[in-house]
Amino acid sequence: MSGHPVFDFTKFTRPPYSASTTFMKNLCDSYYITHKDLPPNWEEIAKCVDLLVWAKLLTVPNLASAPNIKALKYLQI
């Protein structure tokens, strides 16, 4: 949905998805059927993209005051 499948797959680098080897194998197999191979290091790329998205989220003005976002403050350095 976001363009390259690595961007779409960022959420799959986090639990509960990443904890299931069966789910991850089925995900990659299903992708292969319709689109061919992912890069061999897609999981590492997706984790980096996911981290960048979370870091960017911390810079959004007035977001830190939302009650459901307060936990993100623990990610700030």
N, C-alpha and C. Protein backbone atom coordinates (compact mmCIF):
# COMPACT_ATOMS: atom_id res chain seq x y z
N MET A 1 0.81 -1.21 0.00
CA MET A 1 0.00 0.00 0.00
C MET A 1 0.85 1.26 0.00
N SER A 2 2.03 1.20 0.61
CA SER A 2 2.86 2.40 0.74
C SER A 2 3.86 2.54 -0.39
N GLY A 3 3.88 1.62 -1.28
CA GLY A 3 4.88 1.63 -2.35
C GLY A 3 5.63 0.33 -2.33
N HIS A 4 6.91 0.41 -2.03
CA HIS A 4 7.71 -0.80 -1.96
C HIS A 4 7.21 -1.67 -0.80
N PRO A 5 7.16 -2.98 -1.00
CA PRO A 5 6.63 -3.86 0.04
C PRO A 5 7.37 -3.78 1.37
N VAL A 6 8.64 -3.40 1.35
CA VAL A 6 9.35 -3.27 2.62
C VAL A 6 8.66 -2.24 3.50
N PHE A 7 8.15 -1.15 2.90
CA PHE A 7 7.43 -0.15 3.67
C PHE A 7 6.12 -0.72 4.21
N ASP A 8 5.45 -1.52 3.40
CA ASP A 8 4.20 -2.14 3.87
C ASP A 8 4.46 -3.14 4.98
N PHE A 9 5.61 -3.78 4.93
CA PHE A 9 5.90 -4.86 5.87
C PHE A 9 6.50 -4.38 7.19
N THR A 10 6.66 -3.08 7.38
CA THR A 10 7.29 -2.60 8.62
C THR A 10 6.53 -3.09 9.85
N LYS A 11 5.22 -3.11 9.79
CA LYS A 11 4.45 -3.54 10.96
C LYS A 11 4.68 -5.01 11.29
N PHE A 12 5.14 -5.78 10.32
CA PHE A 12 5.37 -7.20 10.56
C PHE A 12 6.70 -7.48 11.25
N THR A 13 7.50 -6.45 11.50
CA THR A 13 8.75 -6.63 12.22
C THR A 13 8.53 -6.54 13.72
N ARG A 14 7.28 -6.26 14.12
CA ARG A 14 6.94 -6.15 15.54
C ARG A 14 6.01 -7.29 15.93
N PRO A 15 6.03 -7.65 17.24
CA PRO A 15 5.06 -8.66 17.71
C PRO A 15 3.64 -8.14 17.51
N PRO A 16 2.68 -8.95 17.35
CA PRO A 16 2.72 -10.41 17.44
C PRO A 16 3.17 -11.08 16.15
N TYR A 17 3.22 -10.33 15.06
CA TYR A 17 3.56 -10.92 13.76
C TYR A 17 4.94 -11.56 13.74
N SER A 18 5.93 -10.82 14.20
CA SER A 18 7.32 -11.30 14.11
C SER A 18 7.58 -12.53 14.97
N ALA A 19 6.74 -12.74 15.96
CA ALA A 19 6.92 -13.89 16.85
C ALA A 19 6.49 -15.21 16.21
N SER A 20 5.76 -15.13 15.12
CA SER A 20 5.25 -16.34 14.48
C SER A 20 6.04 -16.65 13.20
N THR A 21 6.88 -17.65 13.26
CA THR A 21 7.64 -18.02 12.08
C THR A 21 6.73 -18.52 10.97
N THR A 22 5.64 -19.17 11.34
CA THR A 22 4.67 -19.64 10.33
C THR A 22 4.04 -18.46 9.61
N PHE A 23 3.64 -17.45 10.36
CA PHE A 23 3.05 -16.26 9.75
C PHE A 23 4.05 -15.59 8.81
N MET A 24 5.28 -15.41 9.27
CA MET A 24 6.28 -14.74 8.45
C MET A 24 6.57 -15.53 7.17
N LYS A 25 6.65 -16.85 7.27
CA LYS A 25 6.89 -17.67 6.08
C LYS A 25 5.72 -17.55 5.11
N ASN A 26 4.50 -17.63 5.63
CA ASN A 26 3.31 -17.50 4.77
C ASN A 26 3.23 -16.12 4.13
N LEU A 27 3.60 -15.09 4.87
CA LEU A 27 3.60 -13.73 4.34
C LEU A 27 4.55 -13.63 3.15
N CYS A 28 5.77 -14.10 3.32
CA CYS A 28 6.76 -14.02 2.26
C CYS A 28 6.38 -14.91 1.07
N ASP A 29 5.87 -16.10 1.35
CA ASP A 29 5.42 -16.99 0.27
C ASP A 29 4.29 -16.36 -0.53
N SER A 30 3.33 -15.75 0.17
CA SER A 30 2.20 -15.12 -0.51
C SER A 30 2.66 -13.95 -1.37
N TYR A 31 3.60 -13.18 -0.83
CA TYR A 31 4.12 -12.06 -1.61
C TYR A 31 4.82 -12.57 -2.86
N TYR A 32 5.58 -13.64 -2.73
CA TYR A 32 6.32 -14.18 -3.86
C TYR A 32 5.38 -14.61 -4.99
N ILE A 33 4.24 -15.19 -4.64
CA ILE A 33 3.29 -15.66 -5.65
C ILE A 33 2.81 -14.51 -6.53
N THR A 34 2.59 -13.34 -5.95
CA THR A 34 2.04 -12.23 -6.72
C THR A 34 3.08 -11.23 -7.21
N HIS A 35 4.19 -11.09 -6.51
CA HIS A 35 5.13 -10.02 -6.85
C HIS A 35 6.58 -10.44 -7.01
N LYS A 36 6.90 -11.66 -6.74
CA LYS A 36 8.27 -12.20 -6.79
C LYS A 36 9.01 -11.88 -5.49
N ASP A 37 10.32 -11.95 -5.52
CA ASP A 37 11.12 -11.90 -4.29
C ASP A 37 11.18 -10.54 -3.63
N LEU A 38 11.25 -10.59 -2.30
CA LEU A 38 11.62 -9.42 -1.51
C LEU A 38 13.14 -9.38 -1.45
N PRO A 39 13.72 -8.23 -1.14
CA PRO A 39 15.17 -8.22 -0.96
C PRO A 39 15.56 -9.18 0.16
N PRO A 40 16.73 -9.80 0.09
CA PRO A 40 17.10 -10.76 1.13
C PRO A 40 17.14 -10.16 2.53
N ASN A 41 17.41 -8.88 2.63
CA ASN A 41 17.48 -8.23 3.93
C ASN A 41 16.24 -7.37 4.22
N TRP A 42 15.08 -7.80 3.72
CA TRP A 42 13.88 -6.99 3.87
C TRP A 42 13.52 -6.76 5.33
N GLU A 43 13.78 -7.72 6.19
CA GLU A 43 13.43 -7.54 7.60
C GLU A 43 14.26 -6.43 8.25
N GLU A 44 15.55 -6.38 7.95
CA GLU A 44 16.40 -5.32 8.50
C GLU A 44 15.99 -3.95 7.97
N ILE A 45 15.72 -3.89 6.67
CA ILE A 45 15.28 -2.62 6.06
C ILE A 45 13.96 -2.18 6.69
N ALA A 46 13.02 -3.11 6.84
CA ALA A 46 11.72 -2.78 7.41
C ALA A 46 11.85 -2.30 8.85
N LYS A 47 12.74 -2.90 9.63
CA LYS A 47 12.95 -2.46 11.01
C LYS A 47 13.49 -1.04 11.06
N CYS A 48 14.41 -0.72 10.16
CA CYS A 48 14.96 0.65 10.10
C CYS A 48 13.88 1.65 9.72
N VAL A 49 13.08 1.31 8.73
CA VAL A 49 11.98 2.19 8.31
C VAL A 49 11.00 2.38 9.46
N ASP A 50 10.66 1.30 10.15
CA ASP A 50 9.73 1.38 11.28
C ASP A 50 10.28 2.30 12.36
N LEU A 51 11.56 2.18 12.67
CA LEU A 51 12.19 3.03 13.67
C LEU A 51 12.14 4.50 13.25
N LEU A 52 12.40 4.77 11.98
CA LEU A 52 12.35 6.15 11.48
C LEU A 52 10.94 6.72 11.56
N VAL A 53 9.94 5.89 11.29
CA VAL A 53 8.54 6.35 11.39
C VAL A 53 8.22 6.71 12.84
N TRP A 54 8.63 5.87 13.79
CA TRP A 54 8.38 6.18 15.21
C TRP A 54 9.12 7.44 15.62
N ALA A 55 10.35 7.61 15.16
CA ALA A 55 11.12 8.82 15.50
C ALA A 55 10.45 10.06 14.92
N LYS A 56 9.97 9.97 13.70
CA LYS A 56 9.27 11.10 13.08
C LYS A 56 8.00 11.42 13.84
N LEU A 57 7.30 10.40 14.31
CA LEU A 57 6.07 10.61 15.08
C LEU A 57 6.32 11.45 16.32
N LEU A 58 7.49 11.30 16.92
CA LEU A 58 7.81 12.08 18.12
C LEU A 58 7.99 13.57 17.83
N THR A 59 8.17 13.94 16.57
CA THR A 59 8.38 15.35 16.23
C THR A 59 7.09 16.07 15.85
N VAL A 60 5.98 15.36 15.80
CA VAL A 60 4.70 15.98 15.41
C VAL A 60 4.22 16.90 16.53
N PRO A 61 3.97 18.18 16.22
CA PRO A 61 3.53 19.13 17.24
C PRO A 61 2.20 18.71 17.87
N ASN A 62 2.09 18.95 19.17
CA ASN A 62 0.88 18.70 19.95
C ASN A 62 0.49 17.23 20.04
N LEU A 63 1.26 16.36 19.48
CA LEU A 63 0.94 14.94 19.56
C LEU A 63 1.27 14.38 20.94
N ALA A 64 2.34 14.90 21.55
CA ALA A 64 2.78 14.39 22.84
C ALA A 64 1.76 14.63 23.94
N SER A 65 0.86 15.58 23.75
CA SER A 65 -0.14 15.86 24.78
C SER A 65 -1.36 14.95 24.69
N ALA A 66 -1.50 14.21 23.61
CA ALA A 66 -2.63 13.30 23.48
C ALA A 66 -2.47 12.15 24.49
N PRO A 67 -3.53 11.81 25.23
CA PRO A 67 -3.42 10.78 26.27
C PRO A 67 -2.94 9.42 25.75
N ASN A 68 -3.34 9.04 24.55
CA ASN A 68 -2.95 7.74 24.04
C ASN A 68 -1.55 7.72 23.44
N ILE A 69 -0.85 8.85 23.46
CA ILE A 69 0.49 8.94 22.87
C ILE A 69 1.56 9.14 23.95
N LYS A 70 1.16 9.33 25.20
CA LYS A 70 2.13 9.64 26.25
C LYS A 70 3.22 8.59 26.37
N ALA A 71 2.94 7.34 26.06
CA ALA A 71 3.95 6.29 26.16
C ALA A 71 5.10 6.53 25.20
N LEU A 72 4.87 7.26 24.11
CA LEU A 72 5.94 7.54 23.15
C LEU A 72 7.04 8.41 23.74
N LYS A 73 6.73 9.16 24.79
CA LYS A 73 7.74 10.01 25.42
C LYS A 73 8.91 9.19 25.95
N TYR A 74 8.67 7.95 26.28
CA TYR A 74 9.74 7.09 26.77
C TYR A 74 10.75 6.77 25.68
N LEU A 75 10.40 6.97 24.43
CA LEU A 75 11.31 6.71 23.33
C LEU A 75 12.23 7.88 23.05
N GLN A 76 11.93 9.04 23.61
CA GLN A 76 12.76 10.22 23.35
C GLN A 76 14.11 10.08 24.03
N ILE A 77 15.11 10.63 23.37
CA ILE A 77 16.48 10.58 23.91
C ILE A 77 16.80 11.91 24.56
